[in-house]
Each structure stands twice: as C-alpha cells, then as structure tokens.
C-alpha cells in the first residue's frame, strides 16, 4: 500500500511475551528490515490487565517500568520504545503530512470558491426576501414576457 515507504512505521507489539533469551532489538533498530520512519516497540496490556480493569495510565507506567528494567531494552534508545513515543512519533508524522498537504488543499478551496462565485454570478442577482420586492420582480417578468 506504501511502495515508497513514505507513510509506513513499524510497530512491534507484545514484545514482553517473547521467549526468554530473545528480543526485538534488531528489528526495532531497523537492522532486519529497514523502514524510513523506523520502528517502535510497545508492551500491550495483558488480558489479565483488561480483566482487572487496569487503567491506561497504570498500563503505561507498567510499560515504562518494563522497558527501564529489561536487560536488553533498558540499554536501547528510549525513544524507540513505548506507547508515549509511538504517540509522539505519529503526531509528528501527521503534522508534517498536514503541513505539506495544506497548501494544495488551500489552493483547491480557493479554486472551488471562485468557480462557485462565477456560477452564482451567471445565475444573476439573488431573489429578494421581501414579498413586495418579489411581486415587483414577478410583475416585471410578466410585463417583459407580454
């Protein structure tokens, strides 16, 4: 869907349930498959957390604790890990996309406004709102027709 890789960001989920002795470090660092926008590793809430109704705030705190104490992930750049970093990265990407797209959108809007104003001008003056003025126009049209 994104052959140039302009919009693709890799999200490695559930890395806390990988087998002992394995990690997603190489993938997150982009050493296995490179992506222009890179990867972010996150630890999802467990099913038990959901059953126990653990709040998102507490889940994020647990995720941060997990990454900061993990023997492999604690040595990695922390901007590659966690839902907070994913949120920030996606926000920056969206902002950049909007910033680049906005001039074209503005141009299109101005063009449509001009086309609509031209169409309205071609239709002639607007109909009056007052009933007396409407009768005046109707009388003028009948007179012109006769």
N, C-alpha and C. Protein backbone atom coordinates (compact mmCIF):
# COMPACT_ATOMS: atom_id res chain seq x y z
N UNK A 1 0.82 -1.20 0.00
CA UNK A 1 0.00 0.00 0.00
C UNK A 1 0.86 1.26 0.00
N UNK A 2 2.11 1.12 0.41
CA UNK A 2 3.01 2.27 0.51
C UNK A 2 4.36 1.88 -0.11
N UNK A 3 4.41 1.72 -1.44
CA UNK A 3 5.62 1.19 -2.07
C UNK A 3 6.87 2.04 -1.85
N UNK A 4 6.71 3.34 -1.66
CA UNK A 4 7.87 4.21 -1.43
C UNK A 4 8.27 4.26 0.05
N UNK A 5 7.44 3.70 0.89
CA UNK A 5 7.74 3.68 2.32
C UNK A 5 7.64 5.03 2.99
N UNK A 6 6.87 5.92 2.42
CA UNK A 6 6.76 7.28 2.95
C UNK A 6 5.91 7.31 4.22
N UNK A 7 4.89 6.45 4.29
CA UNK A 7 3.93 6.51 5.40
C UNK A 7 4.06 5.35 6.38
N UNK A 8 4.90 4.38 6.11
CA UNK A 8 4.93 3.16 6.92
C UNK A 8 5.83 3.31 8.15
N UNK A 9 5.24 3.00 9.29
CA UNK A 9 6.00 2.93 10.53
C UNK A 9 5.78 1.54 11.11
N UNK A 10 6.85 0.91 11.57
CA UNK A 10 6.74 -0.43 12.14
C UNK A 10 6.44 -0.35 13.63
N UNK A 11 5.45 -1.11 14.06
CA UNK A 11 5.11 -1.18 15.48
C UNK A 11 5.23 -2.63 15.91
N UNK A 12 6.19 -2.89 16.76
CA UNK A 12 6.42 -4.24 17.28
C UNK A 12 5.67 -4.34 18.60
N UNK A 13 4.63 -5.18 18.61
CA UNK A 13 3.76 -5.26 19.78
C UNK A 13 4.04 -6.53 20.58
N UNK A 14 3.59 -6.49 21.82
CA UNK A 14 3.66 -7.65 22.72
C UNK A 14 5.06 -8.20 22.88
N UNK A 15 6.05 -7.34 22.89
CA UNK A 15 7.42 -7.83 22.99
C UNK A 15 7.74 -8.36 24.39
N UNK A 16 6.85 -8.13 25.33
CA UNK A 16 7.05 -8.65 26.68
C UNK A 16 6.74 -10.13 26.78
N UNK A 17 6.07 -10.71 25.77
CA UNK A 17 5.73 -12.14 25.86
C UNK A 17 6.60 -13.00 24.94
N UNK A 18 7.70 -12.42 24.45
CA UNK A 18 8.62 -13.21 23.63
C UNK A 18 9.32 -14.24 24.52
N UNK A 19 9.78 -15.33 23.91
CA UNK A 19 10.51 -16.35 24.66
C UNK A 19 11.73 -15.74 25.33
N UNK A 20 12.08 -16.28 26.50
CA UNK A 20 13.27 -15.82 27.22
C UNK A 20 14.49 -16.03 26.33
N UNK A 21 15.39 -15.06 26.36
CA UNK A 21 16.60 -15.15 25.55
C UNK A 21 16.46 -14.54 24.17
N UNK A 22 15.24 -14.13 23.81
CA UNK A 22 15.03 -13.47 22.52
C UNK A 22 14.60 -12.04 22.78
N UNK A 23 14.80 -11.20 21.78
CA UNK A 23 14.34 -9.82 21.90
C UNK A 23 14.05 -9.28 20.51
N UNK A 24 13.41 -8.15 20.49
CA UNK A 24 13.08 -7.50 19.22
C UNK A 24 14.05 -6.36 18.93
N UNK A 25 15.19 -6.35 19.60
CA UNK A 25 16.14 -5.25 19.49
C UNK A 25 16.57 -4.99 18.04
N UNK A 26 16.99 -6.03 17.33
CA UNK A 26 17.45 -5.85 15.94
C UNK A 26 16.34 -5.29 15.05
N UNK A 27 15.14 -5.79 15.23
CA UNK A 27 14.01 -5.33 14.43
C UNK A 27 13.71 -3.86 14.75
N UNK A 28 13.65 -3.51 16.02
CA UNK A 28 13.33 -2.14 16.43
C UNK A 28 14.41 -1.17 15.93
N UNK A 29 15.64 -1.61 15.93
CA UNK A 29 16.74 -0.75 15.45
C UNK A 29 16.82 -0.71 13.93
N UNK A 30 15.95 -1.46 13.25
CA UNK A 30 15.89 -1.43 11.79
C UNK A 30 17.00 -2.21 11.12
N UNK A 31 17.59 -3.15 11.82
CA UNK A 31 18.70 -3.93 11.25
C UNK A 31 18.21 -5.10 10.40
N UNK A 32 17.01 -5.59 10.66
CA UNK A 32 16.48 -6.72 9.88
C UNK A 32 15.78 -6.21 8.62
N UNK A 33 14.84 -5.32 8.78
CA UNK A 33 14.10 -4.73 7.66
C UNK A 33 14.06 -3.22 7.91
N UNK A 34 14.70 -2.46 7.05
CA UNK A 34 14.76 -1.01 7.25
C UNK A 34 13.45 -0.36 6.80
N UNK A 35 12.97 0.56 7.60
CA UNK A 35 11.82 1.39 7.24
C UNK A 35 12.23 2.85 7.41
N UNK A 36 11.80 3.67 6.47
CA UNK A 36 12.16 5.09 6.50
C UNK A 36 11.75 5.74 7.82
N UNK A 37 10.55 5.42 8.31
CA UNK A 37 10.06 6.02 9.55
C UNK A 37 10.43 5.20 10.79
N UNK A 38 11.08 4.08 10.59
CA UNK A 38 11.57 3.29 11.71
C UNK A 38 10.50 2.46 12.41
N UNK A 39 10.87 2.01 13.59
CA UNK A 39 10.04 1.12 14.39
C UNK A 39 9.89 1.68 15.80
N UNK A 40 8.83 1.24 16.45
CA UNK A 40 8.62 1.50 17.87
C UNK A 40 8.18 0.18 18.50
N UNK A 41 8.78 -0.17 19.61
CA UNK A 41 8.37 -1.36 20.35
C UNK A 41 7.43 -0.98 21.48
N UNK A 42 6.35 -1.72 21.61
CA UNK A 42 5.41 -1.43 22.71
C UNK A 42 5.03 -2.72 23.43
N UNK A 43 4.63 -2.55 24.68
CA UNK A 43 4.14 -3.66 25.51
C UNK A 43 2.65 -3.44 25.69
N UNK A 44 1.85 -4.30 25.12
CA UNK A 44 0.39 -4.16 25.25
C UNK A 44 -0.07 -4.55 26.64
N UNK A 45 -1.28 -4.10 26.99
CA UNK A 45 -1.88 -4.59 28.22
C UNK A 45 -2.19 -6.07 28.05
N UNK A 46 -1.99 -6.82 29.09
CA UNK A 46 -2.31 -8.25 29.03
C UNK A 46 -3.80 -8.45 29.18
N UNK A 47 -4.25 -9.65 28.84
CA UNK A 47 -5.68 -9.95 29.02
C UNK A 47 -6.07 -9.82 30.49
N UNK A 48 -5.14 -10.21 31.38
CA UNK A 48 -5.42 -10.10 32.81
C UNK A 48 -5.56 -8.64 33.22
N UNK A 49 -4.72 -7.76 32.65
CA UNK A 49 -4.83 -6.33 32.93
C UNK A 49 -6.20 -5.80 32.52
N UNK A 50 -6.69 -6.28 31.39
CA UNK A 50 -8.00 -5.85 30.89
C UNK A 50 -9.10 -6.37 31.81
N UNK A 51 -9.00 -7.65 32.20
CA UNK A 51 -9.99 -8.24 33.12
C UNK A 51 -9.98 -7.49 34.45
N UNK A 52 -8.77 -7.14 34.93
CA UNK A 52 -8.64 -6.43 36.20
C UNK A 52 -8.95 -4.93 36.08
N UNK A 53 -9.31 -4.51 34.87
CA UNK A 53 -9.66 -3.12 34.59
C UNK A 53 -8.53 -2.15 34.95
N UNK A 54 -7.30 -2.55 34.62
CA UNK A 54 -6.15 -1.68 34.82
C UNK A 54 -6.31 -0.48 33.89
N UNK A 55 -6.18 0.72 34.42
CA UNK A 55 -6.35 1.92 33.60
C UNK A 55 -5.21 2.06 32.61
N UNK A 56 -5.45 2.82 31.57
CA UNK A 56 -4.42 3.05 30.56
C UNK A 56 -3.22 3.73 31.20
N UNK A 57 -3.45 4.67 32.08
CA UNK A 57 -2.36 5.38 32.76
C UNK A 57 -1.46 4.40 33.52
N UNK A 58 -2.07 3.50 34.26
CA UNK A 58 -1.30 2.50 35.01
C UNK A 58 -0.58 1.55 34.05
N UNK A 59 -1.25 1.19 32.95
CA UNK A 59 -0.63 0.31 31.96
C UNK A 59 0.60 0.97 31.33
N UNK A 60 0.52 2.27 31.08
CA UNK A 60 1.66 2.99 30.51
C UNK A 60 2.81 3.03 31.53
N UNK A 61 2.48 3.22 32.78
CA UNK A 61 3.50 3.21 33.83
C UNK A 61 4.17 1.83 33.91
N UNK A 62 3.36 0.76 33.83
CA UNK A 62 3.91 -0.60 33.84
C UNK A 62 4.81 -0.83 32.63
N UNK A 63 4.40 -0.28 31.48
CA UNK A 63 5.20 -0.43 30.26
C UNK A 63 6.55 0.28 30.43
N UNK A 64 6.53 1.49 30.97
CA UNK A 64 7.77 2.23 31.19
C UNK A 64 8.69 1.49 32.16
N UNK A 65 8.12 0.94 33.20
CA UNK A 65 8.90 0.17 34.17
C UNK A 65 9.50 -1.07 33.50
N UNK A 66 8.72 -1.74 32.68
CA UNK A 66 9.19 -2.93 31.97
C UNK A 66 10.42 -2.58 31.12
N UNK A 67 10.30 -1.53 30.29
CA UNK A 67 11.40 -1.17 29.40
C UNK A 67 12.63 -0.68 30.17
N UNK A 68 12.42 0.04 31.25
CA UNK A 68 13.56 0.59 32.00
C UNK A 68 14.30 -0.46 32.81
N UNK A 69 13.66 -1.61 33.08
CA UNK A 69 14.32 -2.66 33.88
C UNK A 69 14.71 -3.89 33.05
N UNK A 70 14.28 -3.95 31.81
CA UNK A 70 14.59 -5.11 30.97
C UNK A 70 16.07 -5.10 30.61
N UNK A 71 16.76 -6.27 30.67
CA UNK A 71 18.20 -6.29 30.40
C UNK A 71 18.59 -5.82 28.99
N UNK A 72 17.75 -6.04 28.00
CA UNK A 72 18.07 -5.63 26.63
C UNK A 72 17.47 -4.26 26.32
N UNK A 73 16.19 -4.09 26.57
CA UNK A 73 15.51 -2.86 26.18
C UNK A 73 15.95 -1.64 26.98
N UNK A 74 16.42 -1.84 28.20
CA UNK A 74 16.88 -0.70 29.01
C UNK A 74 18.16 -0.09 28.45
N UNK A 75 18.88 -0.83 27.60
CA UNK A 75 20.12 -0.31 27.01
C UNK A 75 19.90 0.36 25.67
N UNK A 76 18.68 0.29 25.17
CA UNK A 76 18.36 0.87 23.86
C UNK A 76 17.94 2.33 24.01
N UNK A 77 18.00 3.09 22.90
CA UNK A 77 17.45 4.46 22.96
C UNK A 77 15.98 4.40 23.32
N UNK A 78 15.60 5.10 24.36
CA UNK A 78 14.24 5.01 24.89
C UNK A 78 13.20 5.63 23.97
N UNK A 79 13.63 6.42 22.98
CA UNK A 79 12.65 6.99 22.04
C UNK A 79 12.15 5.94 21.05
N UNK A 80 12.70 4.72 21.09
CA UNK A 80 12.24 3.63 20.22
C UNK A 80 11.25 2.71 20.92
N UNK A 81 10.93 3.03 22.17
CA UNK A 81 10.11 2.12 22.97
C UNK A 81 8.96 2.87 23.66
N UNK A 82 7.82 2.23 23.70
CA UNK A 82 6.71 2.74 24.49
C UNK A 82 5.63 3.44 23.71
N UNK A 83 4.42 3.33 24.25
CA UNK A 83 3.24 3.91 23.60
C UNK A 83 3.32 5.43 23.56
N UNK A 84 3.95 6.05 24.55
CA UNK A 84 4.11 7.50 24.54
C UNK A 84 4.95 7.96 23.37
N UNK A 85 6.04 7.24 23.11
CA UNK A 85 6.90 7.58 21.97
C UNK A 85 6.19 7.31 20.64
N UNK A 86 5.38 6.25 20.60
CA UNK A 86 4.60 5.97 19.39
C UNK A 86 3.63 7.11 19.13
N UNK A 87 2.95 7.56 20.17
CA UNK A 87 2.01 8.67 20.04
C UNK A 87 2.72 9.93 19.54
N UNK A 88 3.86 10.24 20.13
CA UNK A 88 4.61 11.43 19.71
C UNK A 88 5.07 11.32 18.25
N UNK A 89 5.56 10.15 17.89
CA UNK A 89 6.05 9.97 16.52
C UNK A 89 4.91 10.09 15.51
N UNK A 90 3.78 9.46 15.80
CA UNK A 90 2.63 9.54 14.90
C UNK A 90 2.11 10.98 14.80
N UNK A 91 2.14 11.71 15.90
CA UNK A 91 1.71 13.10 15.90
C UNK A 91 2.63 13.93 15.00
N UNK A 92 3.95 13.74 15.11
CA UNK A 92 4.90 14.47 14.26
C UNK A 92 4.70 14.13 12.79
N UNK A 93 4.47 12.85 12.50
CA UNK A 93 4.26 12.42 11.11
C UNK A 93 2.99 13.06 10.56
N UNK A 94 1.92 13.04 11.35
CA UNK A 94 0.66 13.64 10.91
C UNK A 94 0.82 15.14 10.70
N UNK A 95 1.50 15.81 11.62
CA UNK A 95 1.72 17.25 11.50
C UNK A 95 2.50 17.57 10.22
N UNK A 96 3.54 16.80 9.94
CA UNK A 96 4.34 17.01 8.73
C UNK A 96 3.49 16.79 7.48
N UNK A 97 2.68 15.75 7.50
CA UNK A 97 1.81 15.45 6.35
C UNK A 97 0.82 16.59 6.12
N UNK A 98 0.21 17.08 7.18
CA UNK A 98 -0.74 18.19 7.07
C UNK A 98 -0.03 19.44 6.56
N UNK A 99 1.15 19.70 7.10
CA UNK A 99 1.92 20.88 6.70
C UNK A 99 2.24 20.85 5.20
N UNK A 100 2.58 19.68 4.67
CA UNK A 100 2.90 19.56 3.25
C UNK A 100 1.64 19.57 2.38
N UNK A 101 0.53 19.06 2.89
CA UNK A 101 -0.70 18.96 2.11
C UNK A 101 -1.53 20.23 2.15
N UNK A 102 -1.37 21.04 3.18
CA UNK A 102 -2.23 22.21 3.38
C UNK A 102 -2.19 23.21 2.23
N UNK A 103 -1.03 23.55 1.65
CA UNK A 103 -1.05 24.50 0.52
C UNK A 103 -1.92 24.02 -0.65
N UNK A 104 -1.85 22.75 -0.98
CA UNK A 104 -2.65 22.22 -2.09
C UNK A 104 -4.13 22.24 -1.73
N UNK A 105 -4.46 21.89 -0.50
CA UNK A 105 -5.86 21.92 -0.06
C UNK A 105 -6.39 23.35 -0.12
N UNK A 106 -5.59 24.31 0.35
CA UNK A 106 -5.98 25.72 0.32
C UNK A 106 -6.20 26.19 -1.11
N UNK A 107 -5.31 25.78 -2.02
CA UNK A 107 -5.45 26.13 -3.43
C UNK A 107 -6.76 25.58 -4.00
N UNK A 108 -7.05 24.34 -3.70
CA UNK A 108 -8.29 23.72 -4.19
C UNK A 108 -9.53 24.44 -3.65
N UNK A 109 -9.50 24.80 -2.38
CA UNK A 109 -10.63 25.50 -1.78
C UNK A 109 -10.84 26.84 -2.46
N UNK A 110 -9.75 27.59 -2.69
CA UNK A 110 -9.87 28.89 -3.35
C UNK A 110 -10.42 28.74 -4.76
N UNK A 111 -9.98 27.70 -5.47
CA UNK A 111 -10.47 27.45 -6.83
C UNK A 111 -11.97 27.15 -6.80
N UNK A 112 -12.40 26.29 -5.87
CA UNK A 112 -13.83 25.95 -5.77
C UNK A 112 -14.67 27.17 -5.40
N UNK A 113 -14.15 28.04 -4.52
CA UNK A 113 -14.86 29.26 -4.16
C UNK A 113 -15.03 30.15 -5.40
N UNK A 114 -13.96 30.30 -6.17
CA UNK A 114 -14.03 31.12 -7.39
C UNK A 114 -15.04 30.53 -8.38
N UNK A 115 -14.99 29.21 -8.58
CA UNK A 115 -15.94 28.57 -9.50
C UNK A 115 -17.38 28.77 -9.03
N UNK A 116 -17.62 28.64 -7.75
CA UNK A 116 -18.96 28.81 -7.20
C UNK A 116 -19.43 30.25 -7.35
N UNK A 117 -18.54 31.21 -7.07
CA UNK A 117 -18.90 32.62 -7.24
C UNK A 117 -19.22 32.92 -8.70
N UNK A 118 -18.45 32.34 -9.64
CA UNK A 118 -18.72 32.53 -11.08
C UNK A 118 -20.09 31.95 -11.43
N UNK A 119 -20.40 30.76 -10.91
CA UNK A 119 -21.71 30.14 -11.18
C UNK A 119 -22.83 31.01 -10.63
N UNK A 120 -22.66 31.55 -9.44
CA UNK A 120 -23.68 32.41 -8.84
C UNK A 120 -23.87 33.68 -9.66
N UNK A 121 -22.75 34.24 -10.14
CA UNK A 121 -22.83 35.45 -10.97
C UNK A 121 -23.59 35.16 -12.27
N UNK A 122 -23.36 33.97 -12.87
CA UNK A 122 -24.05 33.57 -14.10
C UNK A 122 -25.57 33.42 -13.88
N UNK A 123 -25.94 33.06 -12.68
CA UNK A 123 -27.37 32.88 -12.37
C UNK A 123 -28.11 34.21 -12.22
N UNK A 124 -27.37 35.29 -12.07
CA UNK A 124 -28.00 36.60 -11.95
C UNK A 124 -28.16 37.02 -10.51
N UNK A 125 -28.84 38.15 -10.30
CA UNK A 125 -28.98 38.65 -8.93
C UNK A 125 -29.86 37.71 -8.10
N UNK A 126 -29.62 37.71 -6.80
CA UNK A 126 -30.41 36.81 -5.94
C UNK A 126 -31.86 37.27 -5.84
N UNK A 127 -32.70 36.31 -5.49
CA UNK A 127 -34.12 36.61 -5.29
C UNK A 127 -34.26 37.45 -4.01
N UNK A 128 -35.10 38.45 -4.04
CA UNK A 128 -35.29 39.27 -2.83
C UNK A 128 -36.04 38.47 -1.77
N UNK A 129 -35.85 38.89 -0.54
CA UNK A 129 -36.52 38.21 0.57
C UNK A 129 -37.88 38.81 0.88
N UNK A 130 -38.06 40.05 0.57
CA UNK A 130 -39.31 40.76 0.87
C UNK A 130 -40.39 40.39 -0.15
N UNK A 131 -41.60 40.14 0.31
CA UNK A 131 -42.68 39.72 -0.60
C UNK A 131 -43.06 40.84 -1.58
N UNK A 132 -42.97 42.09 -1.16
CA UNK A 132 -43.27 43.20 -2.06
C UNK A 132 -42.28 43.26 -3.22
N UNK A 133 -41.00 43.03 -2.92
CA UNK A 133 -39.98 43.03 -3.97
C UNK A 133 -40.16 41.83 -4.89
N UNK A 134 -40.60 40.71 -4.33
CA UNK A 134 -40.87 39.52 -5.15
C UNK A 134 -42.00 39.81 -6.13
N UNK A 135 -43.05 40.49 -5.67
CA UNK A 135 -44.17 40.85 -6.54
C UNK A 135 -43.70 41.80 -7.65
N UNK A 136 -42.81 42.72 -7.31
CA UNK A 136 -42.27 43.68 -8.28
C UNK A 136 -41.53 42.94 -9.39
N UNK A 137 -40.69 41.96 -9.00
CA UNK A 137 -39.94 41.18 -9.99
C UNK A 137 -40.90 40.36 -10.84
N UNK A 138 -41.87 39.73 -10.22
CA UNK A 138 -42.84 38.93 -10.95
C UNK A 138 -43.60 39.79 -11.96
N UNK A 139 -44.00 40.99 -11.53
CA UNK A 139 -44.71 41.90 -12.42
C UNK A 139 -43.81 42.31 -13.60
N UNK A 140 -42.53 42.59 -13.30
CA UNK A 140 -41.57 42.94 -14.37
C UNK A 140 -41.39 41.79 -15.35
N UNK A 141 -41.33 40.57 -14.85
CA UNK A 141 -41.15 39.41 -15.73
C UNK A 141 -42.38 39.21 -16.62
N UNK A 142 -43.56 39.39 -16.05
CA UNK A 142 -44.80 39.25 -16.83
C UNK A 142 -44.87 40.34 -17.91
N UNK A 143 -44.51 41.56 -17.52
CA UNK A 143 -44.52 42.67 -18.48
C UNK A 143 -43.53 42.41 -19.61
N UNK A 144 -42.32 41.94 -19.26
CA UNK A 144 -41.31 41.63 -20.28
C UNK A 144 -41.80 40.52 -21.21
N UNK A 145 -42.50 39.53 -20.64
CA UNK A 145 -42.98 38.41 -21.43
C UNK A 145 -44.06 38.86 -22.42
N UNK A 146 -44.95 39.72 -21.92
CA UNK A 146 -46.05 40.20 -22.77
C UNK A 146 -45.45 41.09 -23.85
